[in-house]
C-alpha cells in the first residue's frame, strides 16, 4: 500500500516530469504523484515508453543512449508551460556482459562509456533541456538519483570504479548547475538523491550483505525521497541527500 504523499511546498496543479518511469523507483514516483491531489500533470518518460497508467499521466519515449531523443521528448513539455518537479530516476550499475569492477584491471572503455551515458550525460542533458522551464518564482525542484558510493570523501572500500566515477560526475554537474540556477531562479533547487538499497534489478546481484531493514521497496524509497523533496529549501541546492534527509558527503 502506497504511503500518502502531498507535496505542499509545490504550487497547486504542479507539473512533474519523471525520467526512467518504467523502472522500479521511477514507476513508484509516478504512482505516488498520481495520488497527490495537488499534482496536475505527470510526464512519464522511459526507454520503453511504458509507465503506470492514470488520468494525469502522459507517457513518452526517451533513451539516454540516444541523445537526440532527450530534447525531442522534453522540448514540447517545456513549451507547454512551467515545470515544477523533475526527477531523473534512471541509472545503471551492471549489464549482461559487464559488472562493477573489483580491481582497476577490469576497467573497460565500452562499459565505462555506457555507465556515463546513463548515469551522468543523460541527467545532464535533461537539466539542459528543463532547467529553463522551471518557474521564475515559487519553489521548484530538479532532482536526480545519485548514490552514496559516488562520494569521493566517503570512499574507503575501493572498487566499482566506473559507477562511483559516474555518480561523482553527476554530483559535480548538480553542484555546477546549482550555481547558475541560483542567479536565475532564486526559489528553485537542484539536488542529488540517494535512495538507499532498493529491491530493483540494479541491486539484485548485490543484496547479500544488506543489513536487516535496509532493503527497501521502490514505493517506500520513492515515498521517503518525495517527503525529503518537500522539506528542502533553496539553501539545499547543489547538494545530495539520502532517503532520511541526511546530507551525503561530497
Foldseek 3Di string as FASTA:
>chain_A
DFDADELPQAAAQAEEEQEQQVFFLNLLLVVNLLRHNRHNAYEYEYQVQDHDDDPRYHTDYDDLVPLVRQLVVQVVVLVVAAHFEYEYEWAAAADPPGHWFPDPVRDDDVVLVVRLSTLPVSLLSNCVRHLVRHDQDGEGEHEYEAALLLAPVPDDRDISVSNNVSRVNNLVSQLVVLVVSCVRRVFYAYEYEHLFAEPTPRCVVPCPPQDPPRYHYSSLSSRLVSVLVSPDTSVCHSFYAYSPNHTRHD
